Amino acid sequence: MDIGATTRTGGPAASGEDDLLPQARALQDDLIHWRRHLHAHPELSFQETGTAAYIAAELEALGIAAERPAPNSVVADLGTAGDGPTVAIRADIDALPIVEETGLPFASLRPGVMHACGHDGHIAVLLGVARTLASRRDGLGGRARLIFQPGEEVPPGGAQALIAGGVLNGVSAALGLHLWSPLPTGTAVICAGPAWAAADRFRAVIHGRGGHGAKPHEAVDALEAACRCVAALQSIVSRSVNPLDAAVVTVGTLHAGEAFNIVAGSAVLEGTVRAFDEGVRQRVRARVQEVLTHTAAAAGARAEIDYVDGYPPLHNDPGVAEVMRAAAARHLGADAVHTGPPEMASDDFARYIERVPGCYMSLGAAEPGAPAYPNHHPRFTIDEAALPLGVAILVETAVRLMRHGE
């Protein structure tokens, strides 16, 4: 299946595609209703029982049979498999442990839990895709598999259980999008190749020996050793990674000490590693462990390291990216569809397209004239005008990929 030959930007539209955006915009009231209900009722990763039940009920109201192959997941097939391709389209459904500060009338009703990454919008878009495809199910030329996935925000993520359960069986391509507040509504970024980074996590406990602040020579200062480690970690990218490659090492937390006049006997630091290339990722992992071990030892302390592999690099298939770029260009305009830059953020959609060709799009959702608070910020929100754009682009991309088998 030479996906890249399916269509070209500016080529003739397939039958029925000209009315996709008007049809998607006609769903705007429903898209907003779905999104706002979900925004007001967020649930944390792997706790999305109410969210999954709501999604299943909405699909069943559309006459679409829903399955629950993993806890808090919802999967539904539309169309006929036959000899045509099966295209998977995925939305993540979990929220974050953040206290919302938007002041919106539909703000979270669950204290300390918020849809601060746009997943409420992702669910609404995929429900809109479901309704649009359901109205065309007899002429799809293949099958669409709609995947509502729990637990994207917490590694190892929810994709693994679904994949192990067979959600990609028979799938020819996988599609997804992320609403992205730094981008203006009506624009998109679709990269061929590296698009989102791998993201790993490390935690180090620095063991020293506590003592009196007036007699540091009789102690081993774990706080001072940890500070050396933080400084040394910052040299990894500049001195151990090829300048033509990209990587990030960030220490996000450092906790140590009990009182102003006590030498800290232990310290804990945590951080993240990001990279687009698997070789670079493994090189940085090795260097993080070496730097922590030897820097702590040079200070007379000992480092106990826990390094957790997160999500792999997300590399879009060039052929599928070309099809999605063509669909986006038809609905947004060619000048509004950009090919980069890639993001150092991560997403476990990468696990799907490790196994099948696929593409993940960043779709602009910045509210016009409002501060563009980033994803994961307590004041994050989206421009709901982006929702029908996502529906139209995903539907057209999926239909073009399914019809390629004709």
Protein backbone atom coordinates (compact mmCIF):
# COMPACT_ATOMS: atom_id res chain seq x y z
CA MET A 1 0.00 0.00 0.00
CA ASP A 2 1.82 3.09 -1.26
CA ILE A 3 0.05 5.58 0.97
CA GLY A 4 2.13 8.44 -0.35
CA ALA A 5 0.57 8.07 -3.79
CA THR A 6 -2.98 8.55 -2.53
CA THR A 7 -3.31 12.26 -3.24
CA ARG A 8 -1.30 15.43 -3.66
CA THR A 9 -1.90 18.90 -2.29
CA GLY A 10 -4.05 20.72 -4.80
CA GLY A 11 -5.23 17.50 -6.47
CA PRO A 12 -8.88 16.72 -7.21
CA ALA A 13 -11.09 16.16 -4.22
CA ALA A 14 -12.67 12.78 -3.69
CA SER A 15 -16.44 12.60 -4.02
CA GLY A 16 -18.25 14.16 -1.06
CA GLU A 17 -15.20 15.96 0.35
CA ASP A 18 -16.30 19.43 -0.76
CA ASP A 19 -19.08 19.49 1.84
CA LEU A 20 -17.00 18.14 4.74
CA LEU A 21 -16.15 21.44 6.39
CA PRO A 22 -19.74 22.81 6.17
CA GLN A 23 -20.98 19.50 7.58
CA ALA A 24 -18.44 19.68 10.40
CA ARG A 25 -19.35 23.30 11.16
CA ALA A 26 -23.01 22.27 11.32
CA LEU A 27 -21.98 20.11 14.29
CA GLN A 28 -20.53 23.09 16.18
CA ASP A 29 -23.26 23.19 18.82
CA ASP A 30 -22.83 19.49 19.53
CA LEU A 31 -19.04 19.76 19.54
CA ILE A 32 -19.22 22.57 22.08
CA HIS A 33 -21.77 20.70 24.19
CA TRP A 34 -19.59 17.57 24.29
CA ARG A 35 -16.43 19.51 25.02
CA ARG A 36 -17.93 21.63 27.81
CA HIS A 37 -19.62 18.69 29.52
CA LEU A 38 -16.33 16.81 29.53
CA HIS A 39 -14.40 19.88 30.65
CA ALA A 40 -16.67 20.24 33.67
CA HIS A 41 -16.29 16.55 34.57
CA PRO A 42 -12.58 15.71 34.20
CA GLU A 43 -11.08 12.46 35.44
CA LEU A 44 -7.46 11.58 36.10
CA SER A 45 -5.46 9.01 34.15
CA PHE A 46 -6.82 5.45 34.47
CA GLN A 47 -9.79 6.75 36.48
CA GLU A 48 -11.92 7.82 33.49
CA THR A 49 -14.96 5.66 34.28
CA GLY A 50 -17.54 8.43 33.85
CA THR A 51 -15.82 9.80 30.76
CA ALA A 52 -15.77 6.39 29.07
CA ALA A 53 -19.41 5.76 29.95
CA TYR A 54 -20.37 9.16 28.51
CA ILE A 55 -18.49 8.45 25.25
CA ALA A 56 -20.05 5.00 24.89
CA ALA A 57 -23.53 6.42 25.45
CA GLU A 58 -23.01 9.14 22.84
CA LEU A 59 -21.77 6.59 20.29
CA GLU A 60 -24.70 4.29 20.98
CA ALA A 61 -27.06 7.25 20.50
CA LEU A 62 -25.54 7.56 17.01
CA GLY A 63 -26.24 3.89 16.35
CA ILE A 64 -22.57 2.96 16.72
CA ALA A 65 -21.76 -0.16 18.73
CA ALA A 66 -19.01 0.50 21.25
CA GLU A 67 -16.63 -1.99 22.83
CA ARG A 68 -14.59 -1.67 26.03
CA PRO A 69 -11.43 -3.74 25.36
CA ALA A 70 -9.44 -2.23 28.25
CA PRO A 71 -10.56 -0.48 31.45
CA ASN A 72 -11.92 3.03 30.76
CA SER A 73 -11.38 2.70 27.01
CA VAL A 74 -13.96 2.86 24.22
CA VAL A 75 -13.40 1.45 20.72
CA ALA A 76 -15.87 1.46 17.83
CA ASP A 77 -15.69 0.37 14.19
CA LEU A 78 -17.53 2.09 11.34
CA GLY A 79 -17.87 0.92 7.77
CA THR A 80 -17.16 -2.46 6.24
CA ALA A 81 -13.76 -4.08 6.30
CA GLY A 82 -14.04 -6.05 3.03
CA ASP A 83 -10.86 -5.61 1.08
CA GLY A 84 -10.55 -1.97 2.01
CA PRO A 85 -8.08 -0.60 4.56
CA THR A 86 -8.88 -0.06 8.22
CA VAL A 87 -7.81 3.37 9.51
CA ALA A 88 -7.57 3.98 13.24
CA ILE A 89 -8.29 7.43 14.70
CA ARG A 90 -7.37 8.00 18.34
CA ALA A 91 -8.35 10.53 21.01
CA ASP A 92 -6.92 10.61 24.54
CA ILE A 93 -9.47 11.14 27.32
CA ASP A 94 -7.69 11.78 30.65
CA ALA A 95 -7.25 15.02 32.60
CA LEU A 96 -4.49 16.41 34.81
CA PRO A 97 -4.06 16.99 38.58
CA ILE A 98 -4.26 20.79 38.23
CA VAL A 99 -6.44 23.33 40.03
CA GLU A 100 -8.31 25.20 37.29
CA GLU A 101 -8.03 28.99 37.23
CA THR A 102 -9.87 29.83 34.00
CA GLY A 103 -13.05 31.18 35.61
CA LEU A 104 -15.06 29.64 32.77
CA PRO A 105 -18.76 28.99 33.43
CA PHE A 106 -18.14 25.32 32.59
CA ALA A 107 -14.93 25.03 34.67
CA SER A 108 -14.06 21.78 36.38
CA LEU A 109 -16.48 20.62 39.06
CA ARG A 110 -13.78 18.34 40.49
CA PRO A 111 -11.34 20.27 42.71
CA GLY A 112 -7.75 19.67 41.74
CA VAL A 113 -8.57 18.00 38.41
CA MET A 114 -8.65 19.84 35.08
CA HIS A 115 -8.67 19.22 31.34
CA ALA A 116 -5.56 21.38 30.93
CA CYS A 117 -4.24 19.69 27.80
CA GLY A 118 -7.19 19.79 25.42
CA HIS A 119 -8.25 16.16 25.75
CA ASP A 120 -11.85 17.28 26.24
CA GLY A 121 -11.59 18.84 22.78
CA HIS A 122 -9.96 15.71 21.36
CA ILE A 123 -12.91 13.61 22.54
CA ALA A 124 -15.39 16.09 21.07
CA VAL A 125 -13.56 16.05 17.73
CA LEU A 126 -13.58 12.25 17.56
CA LEU A 127 -17.29 12.15 18.44
CA GLY A 128 -17.79 14.61 15.57
CA VAL A 129 -15.75 12.31 13.33
CA ALA A 130 -17.98 9.42 14.41
CA ARG A 131 -21.16 11.30 13.53
CA THR A 132 -19.77 12.43 10.16
CA LEU A 133 -18.52 8.98 9.18
CA ALA A 134 -21.76 7.35 10.37
CA SER A 135 -23.66 9.45 7.82
CA ARG A 136 -21.34 8.09 5.09
CA ARG A 137 -20.72 4.58 6.36
CA ASP A 138 -22.06 2.78 3.28
CA GLY A 139 -19.57 4.46 0.95
CA LEU A 140 -16.37 4.57 2.97
CA GLY A 141 -14.52 1.91 1.00
CA GLY A 142 -13.01 0.55 4.20
CA ARG A 143 -13.39 0.77 7.93
CA ALA A 144 -12.65 3.44 10.53
CA ARG A 145 -11.66 2.32 14.02
CA LEU A 146 -12.34 5.01 16.63
CA ILE A 147 -10.13 4.68 19.71
CA PHE A 148 -10.88 6.65 22.87
CA GLN A 149 -7.82 5.96 25.00
CA PRO A 150 -7.31 6.46 28.75
CA GLY A 151 -4.12 7.33 30.56
CA GLU A 152 -2.07 9.29 28.04
CA GLU A 153 -0.67 11.65 30.67
CA VAL A 154 0.98 9.02 32.87
CA PRO A 155 3.66 6.68 31.49
CA PRO A 156 3.63 3.88 30.51
CA GLY A 157 0.33 5.22 29.14
CA GLY A 158 -2.92 3.63 28.04
CA ALA A 159 -1.92 2.79 24.49
CA GLN A 160 0.05 -0.31 25.48
CA ALA A 161 -2.92 -2.20 26.94
CA LEU A 162 -5.09 -1.41 23.93
CA ILE A 163 -2.39 -2.52 21.50
CA ALA A 164 -1.83 -5.71 23.48
CA GLY A 165 -5.58 -6.28 23.26
CA GLY A 166 -5.48 -6.17 19.48
CA VAL A 167 -6.76 -2.67 18.73
CA LEU A 168 -4.30 -2.39 15.81
CA ASN A 169 -5.14 -5.79 14.31
CA GLY A 170 -5.83 -5.24 10.63
CA VAL A 171 -5.11 -1.51 10.84
CA SER A 172 -3.31 0.03 7.86
CA ALA A 173 -2.80 3.54 9.25
CA ALA A 174 -3.35 5.52 12.47
CA LEU A 175 -4.34 9.17 12.80
CA GLY A 176 -4.50 11.65 15.65
CA LEU A 177 -4.37 15.33 16.49
CA HIS A 178 -3.45 17.54 19.39
CA LEU A 179 -5.10 20.91 19.98
CA TRP A 180 -2.18 23.28 20.47
CA SER A 181 -2.62 26.63 22.18
CA PRO A 182 0.62 28.24 20.89
CA LEU A 183 -0.74 27.99 17.31
CA PRO A 184 -3.46 30.31 15.97
CA THR A 185 -6.79 28.72 15.16
CA GLY A 186 -6.91 27.87 11.47
CA THR A 187 -3.29 26.72 11.29
CA ALA A 188 -1.65 23.32 11.67
CA VAL A 189 1.77 21.72 11.90
CA ILE A 190 2.19 18.36 10.17
CA CYS A 191 5.75 17.03 10.19
CA ALA A 192 6.99 14.13 8.12
CA GLY A 193 9.44 12.15 10.23
CA PRO A 194 10.32 13.32 13.76
CA ALA A 195 7.36 15.26 15.15
CA TRP A 196 7.27 14.75 18.93
CA ALA A 197 10.07 13.63 21.23
CA ALA A 198 10.68 10.65 23.44
CA ALA A 199 10.26 11.58 27.10
CA ASP A 200 11.95 9.69 29.93
CA ARG A 201 12.03 10.41 33.65
CA PHE A 202 14.77 10.04 36.21
CA ARG A 203 14.91 10.30 39.99
CA ALA A 204 18.07 10.26 42.05
CA VAL A 205 18.42 10.02 45.82
CA ILE A 206 21.77 11.43 46.90
CA HIS A 207 22.89 9.75 50.11
CA GLY A 208 25.35 11.70 52.26
CA ARG A 209 25.81 11.95 56.00
CA GLY A 210 24.05 14.58 58.04
CA GLY A 211 25.71 16.75 60.64
CA HIS A 212 25.89 20.09 62.39
CA GLY A 213 25.97 23.14 60.15
CA ALA A 214 28.93 24.46 62.13
CA LYS A 215 30.99 21.33 61.42
CA PRO A 216 30.53 20.46 57.74
CA HIS A 217 33.88 18.64 57.69
CA GLU A 218 32.37 15.94 59.89
CA ALA A 219 29.47 15.37 57.48
CA VAL A 220 28.87 14.59 53.81
CA ASP A 221 26.65 17.34 52.44
CA ALA A 222 24.03 15.68 50.21
CA LEU A 223 22.60 19.06 49.22
CA GLU A 224 25.96 20.30 47.97
CA ALA A 225 26.49 17.01 46.13
CA ALA A 226 23.04 17.31 44.54
CA CYS A 227 23.82 20.86 43.38
CA ARG A 228 26.99 19.56 41.73
CA CYS A 229 24.88 16.90 40.01
CA VAL A 230 22.40 19.46 38.70
CA ALA A 231 25.19 21.58 37.27
CA ALA A 232 26.94 18.58 35.74
CA LEU A 233 23.75 17.27 34.14
CA GLN A 234 23.44 20.53 32.19
CA SER A 235 26.68 19.71 30.35
CA ILE A 236 25.38 16.46 28.85
CA VAL A 237 23.60 17.99 25.85
CA SER A 238 26.36 20.51 25.13
CA ARG A 239 29.23 18.01 25.44
CA SER A 240 27.85 14.50 24.83
CA VAL A 241 25.31 15.06 22.05
CA ASN A 242 26.15 15.92 18.45
CA PRO A 243 25.33 19.63 17.95
CA LEU A 244 23.30 18.65 14.87
CA ASP A 245 21.01 16.48 17.03
CA ALA A 246 18.40 17.66 19.53
CA ALA A 247 18.05 16.66 23.16
CA VAL A 248 16.93 18.14 26.48
CA VAL A 249 17.93 17.32 30.05
CA THR A 250 15.87 19.20 32.63
CA VAL A 251 15.99 18.86 36.41
CA GLY A 252 12.56 19.88 37.62
CA THR A 253 12.73 19.28 41.36
CA LEU A 254 15.36 19.26 44.12
CA HIS A 255 14.40 18.60 47.73
CA ALA A 256 16.86 18.50 50.62
CA GLY A 257 17.45 19.62 54.17
CA GLU A 258 15.47 19.99 57.36
CA ALA A 259 16.79 23.15 59.01
CA PHE A 260 19.08 26.09 58.28
CA ASN A 261 21.85 24.84 60.58
CA ILE A 262 21.87 21.13 59.66
CA VAL A 263 23.95 19.57 56.90
CA ALA A 264 21.53 17.60 54.73
CA GLY A 265 22.03 13.87 54.91
CA SER A 266 20.04 13.17 51.75
CA ALA A 267 18.67 14.98 48.73
CA VAL A 268 16.23 13.98 45.98
CA LEU A 269 16.24 15.38 42.46
CA GLU A 270 13.94 14.53 39.55
CA GLY A 271 14.11 15.40 35.89
CA THR A 272 13.25 14.52 32.32
CA VAL A 273 15.16 13.59 29.16
CA ARG A 274 13.82 14.39 25.69
CA ALA A 275 15.14 13.35 22.26
CA PHE A 276 13.84 12.67 18.75
CA ASP A 277 16.35 9.97 17.86
CA GLU A 278 16.45 6.63 19.69
CA GLY A 279 20.25 6.48 19.56
CA VAL A 280 20.53 9.96 21.08
CA ARG A 281 17.97 8.98 23.70
CA GLN A 282 20.00 5.96 24.81
CA ARG A 283 23.25 7.95 24.76
CA VAL A 284 21.77 10.62 27.04
CA ARG A 285 20.31 7.97 29.34
CA ALA A 286 23.74 6.41 29.82
CA ARG A 287 25.35 9.79 30.43
CA VAL A 288 22.72 10.83 33.00
CA GLN A 289 23.46 7.70 35.01
CA GLU A 290 27.23 8.15 34.70
CA VAL A 291 27.14 11.82 35.66
CA LEU A 292 24.93 11.25 38.68
CA THR A 293 26.99 8.29 39.90
CA HIS A 294 30.42 9.83 39.53
CA THR A 295 29.55 13.41 40.50
CA ALA A 296 27.95 12.25 43.72
CA ALA A 297 30.94 10.01 44.41
CA ALA A 298 33.35 12.91 43.86
CA ALA A 299 31.52 14.74 46.67
CA GLY A 300 31.79 11.72 48.96
CA ALA A 301 28.13 10.82 48.51
CA ARG A 302 26.25 8.02 46.74
CA ALA A 303 23.57 8.30 44.06
CA GLU A 304 20.66 5.85 43.96
CA ILE A 305 19.11 6.25 40.51
CA ASP A 306 15.69 5.26 39.16
CA TYR A 307 15.43 5.84 35.40
CA VAL A 308 12.04 5.24 33.77
CA ASP A 309 11.61 4.90 30.02
CA GLY A 310 8.62 6.98 28.95
CA TYR A 311 7.16 7.29 25.49
CA PRO A 312 9.26 6.61 22.38
CA PRO A 313 9.97 9.25 19.73
CA LEU A 314 6.94 10.01 17.58
CA HIS A 315 7.86 9.80 13.90
CA ASN A 316 5.13 10.51 11.36
CA ASP A 317 5.04 8.35 8.26
CA PRO A 318 5.86 10.60 5.25
CA GLY A 319 3.11 9.09 3.10
CA VAL A 320 0.35 9.45 5.68
CA ALA A 321 1.63 12.93 6.56
CA GLU A 322 1.31 13.92 2.91
CA VAL A 323 -2.31 12.77 2.81
CA MET A 324 -3.14 14.63 6.03
CA ARG A 325 -1.31 17.73 4.83
CA ALA A 326 -3.38 17.71 1.63
CA ALA A 327 -6.61 17.41 3.63
CA ALA A 328 -5.56 20.21 5.99
CA ALA A 329 -4.60 22.43 3.07
CA ARG A 330 -8.06 22.02 1.53
CA HIS A 331 -9.80 23.13 4.72
CA LEU A 332 -7.31 25.64 6.14
CA GLY A 333 -5.51 26.86 3.03
CA ALA A 334 -2.04 25.75 1.92
CA ASP A 335 -0.32 28.72 3.58
CA ALA A 336 -1.79 27.76 6.98
CA VAL A 337 -0.29 24.25 7.00
CA HIS A 338 3.31 24.14 8.21
CA THR A 339 5.84 21.32 8.12
CA GLY A 340 7.55 22.13 11.42
CA PRO A 341 9.20 22.64 13.75
CA PRO A 342 8.75 19.43 15.72
CA GLU A 343 7.83 19.59 19.41
CA MET A 344 9.88 18.43 22.42
CA ALA A 345 6.57 17.39 24.01
CA SER A 346 5.71 13.68 24.03
CA ASP A 347 2.62 11.55 23.53
CA ASP A 348 1.96 7.82 23.64
CA PHE A 349 0.32 8.02 20.21
CA ALA A 350 3.92 7.20 19.31
CA ARG A 351 3.23 3.61 20.37
CA TYR A 352 0.60 3.20 17.65
CA ILE A 353 2.79 4.51 14.87
CA GLU A 354 5.72 2.41 15.99
CA ARG A 355 3.63 -0.45 14.63
CA VAL A 356 1.62 0.98 11.73
CA PRO A 357 2.15 4.02 9.47
CA GLY A 358 0.51 7.09 10.93
CA CYS A 359 0.48 10.83 11.47
CA TYR A 360 -0.10 13.12 14.45
CA MET A 361 -1.07 16.72 13.71
CA SER A 362 -0.76 19.78 15.93
CA LEU A 363 -3.91 21.85 15.28
CA GLY A 364 -3.96 25.50 16.27
CA ALA A 365 -6.46 26.38 19.00
CA ALA A 366 -5.33 29.74 20.41
CA GLU A 367 -8.21 31.96 21.45
CA PRO A 368 -8.10 35.18 19.40
CA GLY A 369 -7.06 38.17 21.49
CA ALA A 370 -6.54 36.11 24.66
CA PRO A 371 -3.27 35.15 26.38
CA ALA A 372 -1.98 31.89 24.92
CA TYR A 373 -1.53 29.91 28.12
CA PRO A 374 0.38 26.71 27.32
CA ASN A 375 -0.93 23.19 27.68
CA HIS A 376 -0.77 22.04 31.34
CA HIS A 377 -1.29 25.59 32.63
CA PRO A 378 -4.16 26.19 35.13
CA ARG A 379 -5.56 28.86 32.79
CA PHE A 380 -5.23 26.80 29.62
CA THR A 381 -8.22 26.80 27.30
CA ILE A 382 -8.95 26.36 23.61
CA ASP A 383 -10.75 28.20 20.84
CA GLU A 384 -13.76 25.99 20.15
CA ALA A 385 -13.76 27.16 16.52
CA ALA A 386 -10.89 24.70 16.05
CA LEU A 387 -13.12 21.69 16.76
CA PRO A 388 -14.92 21.43 13.39
CA LEU A 389 -11.61 22.01 11.60
CA GLY A 390 -10.23 18.93 13.34
CA VAL A 391 -13.31 16.91 12.37
CA ALA A 392 -13.05 17.85 8.69
CA ILE A 393 -9.32 17.16 8.44
CA LEU A 394 -9.47 13.79 10.20
CA VAL A 395 -12.51 12.62 8.22
CA GLU A 396 -11.03 13.59 4.88
CA THR A 397 -7.67 12.02 5.69
CA ALA A 398 -9.29 8.78 6.83
CA VAL A 399 -11.60 8.58 3.81
CA ARG A 400 -8.73 9.18 1.38
CA LEU A 401 -6.67 6.46 3.03
CA MET A 402 -9.59 4.02 2.99
CA ARG A 403 -10.43 4.70 -0.64
CA HIS A 404 -6.85 4.18 -1.72
CA GLY A 405 -7.58 0.46 -1.80
CA GLU A 406 -10.17 0.90 -4.56
